[in-house]
């Protein structure tokens, strides 16, 4: 099952990603001023999935991606895929698991792994 992950950008805005069951990012949302905007978009993805449009494109570098839109507004852009088959697999996983995906909120945390910095600094200075 996939997961929505809410985080805070360095400029103070919020975003969320949808990650596959293996942890790979499938798409990233647009920036939101409020965390509640992310939560509302996630809820809409989960409960009204059929109202969104997936449009597939090819980047200038030859890689493939898709955009999620509603009423002409782009709400999210996928990661780049090397083949159309991998692109379709990403879309299939999204449509299969979006309604039941877990929502994880890391937006209030300074660091997801705060002890890691201590461990690394102790390893450098024994």
N, C-alpha and C. Protein backbone atom coordinates (compact mmCIF):
# COMPACT_ATOMS: atom_id res chain seq x y z
N UNK A 1 0.84 -1.18 0.00
CA UNK A 1 0.00 0.00 0.00
C UNK A 1 0.89 1.24 0.00
N UNK A 2 0.50 2.27 -0.71
CA UNK A 2 1.24 3.51 -0.78
C UNK A 2 0.98 4.40 0.42
N UNK A 3 1.64 5.55 0.45
CA UNK A 3 1.48 6.49 1.56
C UNK A 3 1.62 7.92 1.07
N UNK A 4 0.82 8.80 1.63
CA UNK A 4 0.97 10.23 1.45
C UNK A 4 1.87 10.73 2.57
N UNK A 5 2.87 11.53 2.25
CA UNK A 5 3.80 12.04 3.25
C UNK A 5 3.82 13.56 3.16
N UNK A 6 3.36 14.21 4.22
CA UNK A 6 3.31 15.68 4.28
C UNK A 6 4.62 16.17 4.90
N UNK A 7 5.20 17.21 4.30
CA UNK A 7 6.42 17.80 4.85
C UNK A 7 6.41 19.30 4.63
N UNK A 8 7.31 19.96 5.31
CA UNK A 8 7.43 21.42 5.20
C UNK A 8 8.68 21.74 4.39
N UNK A 9 8.54 22.63 3.42
CA UNK A 9 9.69 23.05 2.61
C UNK A 9 10.50 24.08 3.38
N UNK A 10 11.72 24.34 2.93
CA UNK A 10 12.59 25.31 3.60
C UNK A 10 12.00 26.72 3.58
N UNK A 11 11.19 27.04 2.56
CA UNK A 11 10.60 28.38 2.48
C UNK A 11 9.32 28.52 3.31
N UNK A 12 8.97 27.49 4.09
CA UNK A 12 7.83 27.58 4.99
C UNK A 12 6.52 27.06 4.41
N UNK A 13 6.49 26.73 3.14
CA UNK A 13 5.28 26.16 2.55
C UNK A 13 5.25 24.65 2.80
N UNK A 14 4.12 24.04 2.48
CA UNK A 14 3.94 22.61 2.69
C UNK A 14 3.78 21.90 1.36
N UNK A 15 4.09 20.63 1.35
CA UNK A 15 3.89 19.78 0.17
C UNK A 15 3.61 18.38 0.67
N UNK A 16 3.16 17.52 -0.23
CA UNK A 16 3.08 16.11 0.09
C UNK A 16 3.51 15.32 -1.12
N UNK A 17 3.98 14.13 -0.85
CA UNK A 17 4.31 13.21 -1.92
C UNK A 17 3.42 12.00 -1.77
N UNK A 18 3.28 11.25 -2.83
CA UNK A 18 2.68 9.93 -2.75
C UNK A 18 3.79 8.95 -3.04
N UNK A 19 4.05 8.06 -2.09
CA UNK A 19 5.14 7.09 -2.24
C UNK A 19 4.56 5.69 -2.44
N UNK A 20 5.24 4.91 -3.26
CA UNK A 20 4.82 3.53 -3.51
C UNK A 20 5.04 2.68 -2.27
N UNK A 21 4.55 1.46 -2.31
CA UNK A 21 4.73 0.55 -1.18
C UNK A 21 6.21 0.22 -0.96
N UNK A 22 7.04 0.46 -1.97
CA UNK A 22 8.48 0.24 -1.85
C UNK A 22 9.22 1.52 -1.43
N UNK A 23 8.49 2.62 -1.24
CA UNK A 23 9.09 3.86 -0.77
C UNK A 23 9.53 4.83 -1.86
N UNK A 24 9.30 4.51 -3.12
CA UNK A 24 9.67 5.42 -4.22
C UNK A 24 8.60 6.49 -4.38
N UNK A 25 9.04 7.73 -4.60
CA UNK A 25 8.10 8.81 -4.84
C UNK A 25 7.43 8.61 -6.19
N UNK A 26 6.10 8.66 -6.20
CA UNK A 26 5.37 8.57 -7.46
C UNK A 26 5.02 9.97 -7.94
N UNK A 27 4.52 10.83 -7.03
CA UNK A 27 4.29 12.21 -7.42
C UNK A 27 4.50 13.15 -6.25
N UNK A 28 4.69 14.43 -6.57
CA UNK A 28 4.85 15.50 -5.59
C UNK A 28 3.79 16.55 -5.85
N UNK A 29 3.17 17.02 -4.79
CA UNK A 29 2.12 18.04 -4.94
C UNK A 29 2.71 19.41 -5.20
N UNK A 30 1.84 20.33 -5.54
CA UNK A 30 2.25 21.72 -5.61
C UNK A 30 2.44 22.24 -4.20
N UNK A 31 3.07 23.40 -4.04
CA UNK A 31 3.28 23.99 -2.72
C UNK A 31 1.98 24.54 -2.18
N UNK A 32 1.78 24.38 -0.88
CA UNK A 32 0.58 24.89 -0.20
C UNK A 32 1.01 25.81 0.93
N UNK A 33 0.28 26.89 1.14
CA UNK A 33 0.62 27.82 2.22
C UNK A 33 0.29 27.23 3.59
N UNK A 34 -0.76 26.42 3.66
CA UNK A 34 -1.19 25.85 4.93
C UNK A 34 -1.15 24.32 4.87
N UNK A 35 -0.84 23.69 5.98
CA UNK A 35 -0.85 22.22 6.03
C UNK A 35 -2.25 21.70 5.78
N UNK A 36 -3.26 22.43 6.22
CA UNK A 36 -4.64 22.00 6.02
C UNK A 36 -4.99 21.88 4.53
N UNK A 37 -4.35 22.69 3.68
CA UNK A 37 -4.57 22.58 2.23
C UNK A 37 -4.07 21.23 1.72
N UNK A 38 -2.93 20.78 2.22
CA UNK A 38 -2.41 19.46 1.86
C UNK A 38 -3.38 18.38 2.32
N UNK A 39 -3.85 18.49 3.54
CA UNK A 39 -4.76 17.49 4.09
C UNK A 39 -6.06 17.42 3.29
N UNK A 40 -6.56 18.58 2.86
CA UNK A 40 -7.79 18.60 2.05
C UNK A 40 -7.56 17.97 0.68
N UNK A 41 -6.41 18.25 0.07
CA UNK A 41 -6.11 17.65 -1.24
C UNK A 41 -5.98 16.13 -1.12
N UNK A 42 -5.31 15.68 -0.07
CA UNK A 42 -5.15 14.24 0.14
C UNK A 42 -6.52 13.58 0.31
N UNK A 43 -7.37 14.21 1.10
CA UNK A 43 -8.70 13.65 1.30
C UNK A 43 -9.48 13.59 -0.02
N UNK A 44 -9.33 14.62 -0.84
CA UNK A 44 -10.00 14.63 -2.14
C UNK A 44 -9.45 13.52 -3.04
N UNK A 45 -8.14 13.32 -3.04
CA UNK A 45 -7.54 12.22 -3.81
C UNK A 45 -8.12 10.88 -3.36
N UNK A 46 -8.27 10.72 -2.05
CA UNK A 46 -8.72 9.43 -1.53
C UNK A 46 -10.22 9.19 -1.74
N UNK A 47 -11.03 10.23 -1.68
CA UNK A 47 -12.48 10.02 -1.73
C UNK A 47 -13.11 10.35 -3.08
N UNK A 48 -12.41 11.15 -3.92
CA UNK A 48 -12.99 11.56 -5.19
C UNK A 48 -12.02 11.32 -6.35
N UNK A 49 -11.30 10.22 -6.29
CA UNK A 49 -10.25 9.93 -7.25
C UNK A 49 -10.74 10.05 -8.69
N UNK A 50 -11.94 9.64 -8.96
CA UNK A 50 -12.47 9.65 -10.33
C UNK A 50 -12.64 11.06 -10.90
N UNK A 51 -12.57 12.08 -10.09
CA UNK A 51 -12.74 13.46 -10.55
C UNK A 51 -11.42 14.10 -11.01
N UNK A 52 -10.30 13.38 -10.85
CA UNK A 52 -8.99 13.88 -11.25
C UNK A 52 -8.62 13.34 -12.61
N UNK A 53 -7.82 14.11 -13.33
CA UNK A 53 -7.36 13.70 -14.66
C UNK A 53 -5.86 13.44 -14.61
N UNK A 54 -5.46 12.36 -15.24
CA UNK A 54 -4.04 12.04 -15.36
C UNK A 54 -3.65 12.31 -16.81
N UNK A 55 -2.71 13.22 -17.01
CA UNK A 55 -2.23 13.49 -18.37
C UNK A 55 -0.76 13.12 -18.46
N UNK A 56 -0.45 12.26 -19.42
CA UNK A 56 0.92 11.77 -19.61
C UNK A 56 1.66 12.69 -20.57
N UNK A 57 2.96 12.88 -20.28
CA UNK A 57 3.80 13.74 -21.12
C UNK A 57 5.19 13.14 -21.24
N UNK A 58 5.94 13.71 -22.18
CA UNK A 58 7.34 13.32 -22.36
C UNK A 58 8.18 14.58 -22.20
N UNK A 59 9.17 14.52 -21.31
CA UNK A 59 10.06 15.66 -21.06
C UNK A 59 11.03 15.82 -22.21
N UNK A 60 11.64 16.98 -22.30
CA UNK A 60 12.59 17.25 -23.39
C UNK A 60 13.77 16.30 -23.37
N UNK A 61 14.11 15.74 -22.22
CA UNK A 61 15.22 14.79 -22.12
C UNK A 61 14.83 13.37 -22.49
N UNK A 62 13.57 13.17 -22.88
CA UNK A 62 13.13 11.85 -23.31
C UNK A 62 12.48 11.01 -22.24
N UNK A 63 12.42 11.50 -21.00
CA UNK A 63 11.79 10.74 -19.93
C UNK A 63 10.29 11.05 -19.89
N UNK A 64 9.54 10.17 -19.25
CA UNK A 64 8.10 10.26 -19.21
C UNK A 64 7.63 10.66 -17.81
N UNK A 65 6.51 11.38 -17.75
CA UNK A 65 5.92 11.78 -16.48
C UNK A 65 4.44 12.02 -16.67
N UNK A 66 3.72 12.21 -15.56
CA UNK A 66 2.31 12.55 -15.65
C UNK A 66 1.99 13.68 -14.69
N UNK A 67 0.90 14.34 -14.97
CA UNK A 67 0.39 15.40 -14.10
C UNK A 67 -1.01 15.02 -13.65
N UNK A 68 -1.32 15.36 -12.41
CA UNK A 68 -2.67 15.18 -11.88
C UNK A 68 -3.35 16.54 -11.87
N UNK A 69 -4.50 16.63 -12.52
CA UNK A 69 -5.22 17.90 -12.59
C UNK A 69 -6.67 17.70 -12.17
N UNK A 70 -7.26 18.80 -11.76
CA UNK A 70 -8.69 18.84 -11.47
C UNK A 70 -9.18 20.20 -11.95
N UNK A 71 -10.16 20.17 -12.81
CA UNK A 71 -10.73 21.40 -13.38
C UNK A 71 -9.65 22.27 -14.03
N UNK A 72 -8.68 21.63 -14.67
CA UNK A 72 -7.63 22.36 -15.39
C UNK A 72 -6.47 22.83 -14.54
N UNK A 73 -6.53 22.65 -13.23
CA UNK A 73 -5.46 23.09 -12.33
C UNK A 73 -4.53 21.92 -12.03
N UNK A 74 -3.23 22.10 -12.31
CA UNK A 74 -2.25 21.05 -12.01
C UNK A 74 -2.01 21.02 -10.51
N UNK A 75 -2.29 19.87 -9.89
CA UNK A 75 -2.13 19.72 -8.45
C UNK A 75 -0.88 18.93 -8.06
N UNK A 76 -0.39 18.10 -8.99
CA UNK A 76 0.79 17.28 -8.68
C UNK A 76 1.46 16.85 -9.98
N UNK A 77 2.76 16.61 -9.88
CA UNK A 77 3.56 16.14 -11.01
C UNK A 77 4.35 14.92 -10.56
N UNK A 78 4.38 13.92 -11.42
CA UNK A 78 5.07 12.68 -11.07
C UNK A 78 6.58 12.83 -11.21
N UNK A 79 7.27 11.82 -10.72
CA UNK A 79 8.70 11.74 -10.96
C UNK A 79 8.90 11.36 -12.42
N UNK A 80 10.10 11.42 -12.90
CA UNK A 80 10.41 11.07 -14.29
C UNK A 80 10.67 9.58 -14.40
N UNK A 81 10.13 8.97 -15.44
CA UNK A 81 10.30 7.53 -15.70
C UNK A 81 11.07 7.35 -17.00
N UNK A 82 11.91 6.33 -17.06
CA UNK A 82 12.74 6.11 -18.24
C UNK A 82 11.96 5.49 -19.40
N UNK A 83 10.87 4.76 -19.10
CA UNK A 83 10.08 4.13 -20.16
C UNK A 83 8.60 4.36 -19.94
N UNK A 84 7.84 4.23 -21.00
CA UNK A 84 6.38 4.35 -20.88
C UNK A 84 5.81 3.23 -20.02
N UNK A 85 6.43 2.06 -20.07
CA UNK A 85 5.96 0.93 -19.26
C UNK A 85 6.10 1.23 -17.77
N UNK A 86 7.24 1.80 -17.36
CA UNK A 86 7.43 2.16 -15.96
C UNK A 86 6.47 3.27 -15.55
N UNK A 87 6.22 4.21 -16.44
CA UNK A 87 5.24 5.26 -16.18
C UNK A 87 3.88 4.64 -15.90
N UNK A 88 3.47 3.71 -16.73
CA UNK A 88 2.16 3.07 -16.56
C UNK A 88 2.10 2.27 -15.26
N UNK A 89 3.21 1.64 -14.89
CA UNK A 89 3.25 0.91 -13.62
C UNK A 89 3.05 1.87 -12.44
N UNK A 90 3.65 3.06 -12.51
CA UNK A 90 3.47 4.06 -11.46
C UNK A 90 2.02 4.52 -11.37
N UNK A 91 1.40 4.76 -12.52
CA UNK A 91 -0.01 5.17 -12.55
C UNK A 91 -0.89 4.05 -12.01
N UNK A 92 -0.60 2.82 -12.41
CA UNK A 92 -1.39 1.68 -11.93
C UNK A 92 -1.30 1.53 -10.42
N UNK A 93 -0.10 1.67 -9.87
CA UNK A 93 0.04 1.57 -8.41
C UNK A 93 -0.72 2.68 -7.71
N UNK A 94 -0.64 3.86 -8.25
CA UNK A 94 -1.36 5.00 -7.69
C UNK A 94 -2.86 4.74 -7.67
N UNK A 95 -3.43 4.37 -8.80
CA UNK A 95 -4.88 4.16 -8.87
C UNK A 95 -5.33 2.98 -8.00
N UNK A 96 -4.46 2.00 -7.84
CA UNK A 96 -4.79 0.83 -7.05
C UNK A 96 -4.80 1.12 -5.54
N UNK A 97 -3.93 2.01 -5.08
CA UNK A 97 -3.77 2.17 -3.64
C UNK A 97 -4.09 3.55 -3.07
N UNK A 98 -4.46 4.51 -3.91
CA UNK A 98 -4.67 5.87 -3.41
C UNK A 98 -5.79 5.95 -2.37
N UNK A 99 -6.86 5.21 -2.55
CA UNK A 99 -8.01 5.30 -1.63
C UNK A 99 -7.69 4.78 -0.23
N UNK A 100 -6.75 3.86 -0.12
CA UNK A 100 -6.44 3.24 1.17
C UNK A 100 -5.07 3.62 1.71
N UNK A 101 -4.44 4.59 1.09
CA UNK A 101 -3.08 4.96 1.49
C UNK A 101 -3.05 5.60 2.87
N UNK A 102 -1.99 5.32 3.57
CA UNK A 102 -1.75 5.90 4.88
C UNK A 102 -1.28 7.35 4.70
N UNK A 103 -1.58 8.21 5.68
CA UNK A 103 -1.11 9.59 5.64
C UNK A 103 -0.10 9.78 6.77
N UNK A 104 1.12 10.17 6.41
CA UNK A 104 2.18 10.42 7.38
C UNK A 104 2.50 11.90 7.38
N UNK A 105 2.60 12.49 8.56
CA UNK A 105 2.85 13.93 8.66
C UNK A 105 4.19 14.17 9.35
N UNK A 106 5.17 14.63 8.56
CA UNK A 106 6.49 14.97 9.10
C UNK A 106 6.72 16.48 9.07
N UNK A 107 5.67 17.26 8.93
CA UNK A 107 5.82 18.71 8.75
C UNK A 107 6.21 19.45 10.02
N UNK A 108 5.93 18.90 11.18
CA UNK A 108 6.22 19.60 12.43
C UNK A 108 7.59 19.26 13.00
N UNK A 109 8.29 18.34 12.37
CA UNK A 109 9.56 17.89 12.92
C UNK A 109 10.73 18.61 12.26
N UNK A 110 11.68 19.02 13.08
CA UNK A 110 12.90 19.65 12.56
C UNK A 110 13.68 18.65 11.73
N UNK A 111 13.85 17.47 12.27
CA UNK A 111 14.57 16.41 11.58
C UNK A 111 13.84 15.10 11.85
N UNK A 112 13.68 14.31 10.83
CA UNK A 112 13.01 13.03 11.01
C UNK A 112 13.87 12.10 11.85
N UNK A 113 15.19 12.22 11.73
CA UNK A 113 16.12 11.38 12.47
C UNK A 113 17.05 12.26 13.31
N UNK A 114 16.54 12.86 14.39
CA UNK A 114 17.36 13.81 15.15
C UNK A 114 18.60 13.19 15.78
N UNK A 115 18.56 11.92 16.15
CA UNK A 115 19.72 11.29 16.78
C UNK A 115 20.83 10.99 15.78
N UNK A 116 20.53 10.98 14.50
CA UNK A 116 21.52 10.65 13.49
C UNK A 116 22.67 11.66 13.50
N UNK A 117 22.38 12.93 13.70
CA UNK A 117 23.43 13.95 13.71
C UNK A 117 24.37 13.72 14.89
N UNK A 118 23.85 13.30 16.02
CA UNK A 118 24.68 13.04 17.20
C UNK A 118 25.58 11.83 16.95
N UNK A 119 25.01 10.78 16.38
CA UNK A 119 25.78 9.57 16.10
C UNK A 119 26.93 9.88 15.13
N UNK A 120 26.64 10.62 14.07
CA UNK A 120 27.67 10.95 13.10
C UNK A 120 28.76 11.82 13.70
N UNK A 121 28.38 12.80 14.51
CA UNK A 121 29.40 13.67 15.08
C UNK A 121 30.26 12.92 16.10
N UNK A 122 29.68 11.97 16.84
CA UNK A 122 30.45 11.16 17.78
C UNK A 122 31.41 10.23 17.04
N UNK A 123 30.98 9.73 15.89
CA UNK A 123 31.83 8.83 15.10
C UNK A 123 33.03 9.59 14.55
N UNK A 124 32.82 10.87 14.21
CA UNK A 124 33.92 11.66 13.67
C UNK A 124 34.89 12.10 14.75
N UNK A 125 34.38 12.31 15.97
CA UNK A 125 35.21 12.77 17.09
C UNK A 125 35.12 11.78 18.25
N UNK A 126 35.80 10.65 18.18
CA UNK A 126 35.70 9.63 19.23
C UNK A 126 36.26 10.06 20.56
